[in-house]
């Protein structure tokens, strides 16, 4: 073998290689993991002005209205403020003929236009519902 011939063994090891800056990938959604489908998007897809949601906790049951939905969770309008952050709930609603039922955890409770807005994270959303929700994005034009 010729001494001047290029060889992988002539390249130094990368052990201990470091980067002198912190890398964070750019996320067009900000801190959100999923794109939300708004009430307006859902109206276009399902021709319903309002989508009712059944919401149940250990001590109460309520009817809510869907504000938006993503693969990670939902926002709901409810009439009363007796809901708390970190409260465990079960919820169910229909999008067209697809029934979406999941457990959830309330992540945000706040006042919104005379009603209470709940942000609920899905916990253990069934795969069929996850796939259904992800398929909805291709049905609607999401602005960048």
Protein backbone atom coordinates (compact mmCIF):
# COMPACT_ATOMS: atom_id res chain seq x y z
CA UNK A 1 0.00 0.00 0.00
CA UNK A 2 1.34 3.44 -0.93
CA UNK A 3 2.07 5.76 2.08
CA UNK A 4 0.31 8.68 0.38
CA UNK A 5 -2.81 6.66 -0.30
CA UNK A 6 -5.85 7.94 1.61
CA UNK A 7 -7.04 5.58 4.32
CA UNK A 8 -9.78 5.68 6.98
CA UNK A 9 -7.18 4.85 9.62
CA UNK A 10 -5.48 8.22 8.99
CA UNK A 11 -8.57 10.07 10.24
CA UNK A 12 -8.44 10.81 14.00
CA UNK A 13 -11.06 9.37 16.35
CA UNK A 14 -14.09 11.49 17.15
CA UNK A 15 -14.14 10.36 20.79
CA UNK A 16 -14.70 13.37 23.02
CA UNK A 17 -15.94 15.51 20.16
CA UNK A 18 -18.03 18.33 21.57
CA UNK A 19 -20.20 21.09 20.22
CA UNK A 20 -19.61 24.57 21.59
CA UNK A 21 -23.24 25.73 21.18
CA UNK A 22 -26.63 24.47 22.26
CA UNK A 23 -28.72 23.19 19.38
CA UNK A 24 -32.50 23.38 19.49
CA UNK A 25 -34.40 22.44 16.36
CA UNK A 26 -36.77 25.10 15.11
CA UNK A 27 -40.39 24.15 15.77
CA UNK A 28 -42.95 26.09 13.72
CA UNK A 29 -45.59 25.18 16.35
CA UNK A 30 -43.69 26.85 19.19
CA UNK A 31 -43.85 24.57 22.21
CA UNK A 32 -46.74 22.54 20.81
CA UNK A 33 -46.14 19.02 19.57
CA UNK A 34 -49.20 18.91 17.27
CA UNK A 35 -51.14 21.22 14.99
CA UNK A 36 -54.57 22.11 16.35
CA UNK A 37 -57.71 21.81 14.29
CA UNK A 38 -59.94 24.72 15.25
CA UNK A 39 -63.72 24.88 15.48
CA UNK A 40 -63.68 26.51 12.03
CA UNK A 41 -61.58 23.67 10.56
CA UNK A 42 -63.88 21.08 12.09
CA UNK A 43 -66.95 22.89 10.74
CA UNK A 44 -65.49 22.68 7.22
CA UNK A 45 -64.80 18.95 7.65
CA UNK A 46 -67.96 17.83 9.44
CA UNK A 47 -70.54 20.57 8.68
CA UNK A 48 -71.38 21.01 12.38
CA UNK A 49 -71.42 24.37 14.08
CA UNK A 50 -70.82 22.85 17.52
CA UNK A 51 -69.38 19.53 18.61
CA UNK A 52 -70.62 18.43 22.04
CA UNK A 53 -68.27 16.59 24.38
CA UNK A 54 -69.20 14.46 27.37
CA UNK A 55 -66.77 15.15 30.21
CA UNK A 56 -66.66 13.02 33.37
CA UNK A 57 -64.51 13.22 36.48
CA UNK A 58 -64.63 11.21 39.68
CA UNK A 59 -67.29 13.50 41.18
CA UNK A 60 -69.02 15.23 38.28
CA UNK A 61 -70.29 15.01 34.75
CA UNK A 62 -70.71 17.86 32.27
CA UNK A 63 -71.53 18.66 28.68
CA UNK A 64 -68.85 20.75 27.01
CA UNK A 65 -68.25 22.17 23.54
CA UNK A 66 -65.15 21.41 21.50
CA UNK A 67 -63.01 24.48 20.78
CA UNK A 68 -60.07 22.71 19.12
CA UNK A 69 -58.48 19.29 18.91
CA UNK A 70 -55.08 17.81 18.14
CA UNK A 71 -53.45 14.43 18.58
CA UNK A 72 -52.24 15.64 21.96
CA UNK A 73 -55.49 16.90 23.43
CA UNK A 74 -58.50 19.22 23.26
CA UNK A 75 -59.73 22.60 24.38
CA UNK A 76 -63.28 22.69 25.67
CA UNK A 77 -65.75 25.36 26.77
CA UNK A 78 -67.71 24.44 29.90
CA UNK A 79 -70.27 26.48 31.85
CA UNK A 80 -68.88 26.16 35.36
CA UNK A 81 -65.47 26.71 36.90
CA UNK A 82 -65.44 23.71 39.23
CA UNK A 83 -62.65 22.02 37.29
CA UNK A 84 -59.04 21.98 38.47
CA UNK A 85 -55.57 21.67 36.95
CA UNK A 86 -54.20 18.10 37.01
CA UNK A 87 -57.71 16.67 37.50
CA UNK A 88 -58.19 13.30 35.79
CA UNK A 89 -61.15 13.02 33.43
CA UNK A 90 -62.70 10.86 30.76
CA UNK A 91 -64.12 12.45 27.64
CA UNK A 92 -65.94 11.39 24.53
CA UNK A 93 -67.21 13.03 21.35
CA UNK A 94 -68.01 12.28 17.71
CA UNK A 95 -66.19 13.69 14.70
CA UNK A 96 -68.45 12.64 11.88
CA UNK A 97 -69.07 8.94 12.48
CA UNK A 98 -65.81 8.45 14.38
CA UNK A 99 -66.23 8.14 18.14
CA UNK A 100 -63.27 9.55 20.10
CA UNK A 101 -63.07 8.37 23.71
CA UNK A 102 -60.03 8.94 25.90
CA UNK A 103 -58.76 9.53 29.37
CA UNK A 104 -57.27 12.94 29.98
CA UNK A 105 -55.63 15.31 32.42
CA UNK A 106 -56.72 18.92 32.75
CA UNK A 107 -53.68 21.08 32.04
CA UNK A 108 -55.24 24.53 31.96
CA UNK A 109 -58.37 26.18 33.37
CA UNK A 110 -59.15 29.81 32.52
CA UNK A 111 -61.99 32.25 31.95
CA UNK A 112 -62.89 32.85 28.29
CA UNK A 113 -65.83 34.95 27.07
CA UNK A 114 -68.06 34.24 30.06
CA UNK A 115 -67.32 30.54 30.01
CA UNK A 116 -64.49 28.39 31.29
CA UNK A 117 -61.90 27.10 28.85
CA UNK A 118 -60.29 23.77 29.72
CA UNK A 119 -57.10 22.52 28.09
CA UNK A 120 -57.02 18.74 28.38
CA UNK A 121 -54.13 16.48 27.45
CA UNK A 122 -55.06 13.04 26.15
CA UNK A 123 -53.73 10.20 28.30
CA UNK A 124 -53.67 6.88 26.49
CA UNK A 125 -55.54 7.99 23.37
CA UNK A 126 -56.30 4.75 21.47
CA UNK A 127 -54.20 4.24 18.33
CA UNK A 128 -57.28 4.21 16.07
CA UNK A 129 -58.27 7.66 17.34
CA UNK A 130 -54.68 8.94 17.10
CA UNK A 131 -54.49 7.78 13.47
CA UNK A 132 -57.91 9.25 12.70
CA UNK A 133 -56.93 12.66 14.11
CA UNK A 134 -53.63 12.64 12.22
CA UNK A 135 -55.52 11.86 9.01
CA UNK A 136 -57.70 14.93 9.45
CA UNK A 137 -54.73 17.24 8.80
CA UNK A 138 -54.48 16.06 5.21
CA UNK A 139 -58.16 16.89 4.72
CA UNK A 140 -57.79 20.56 5.57
CA UNK A 141 -55.34 23.20 4.46
CA UNK A 142 -53.29 24.26 7.50
CA UNK A 143 -51.66 27.70 7.15
CA UNK A 144 -47.90 27.79 7.70
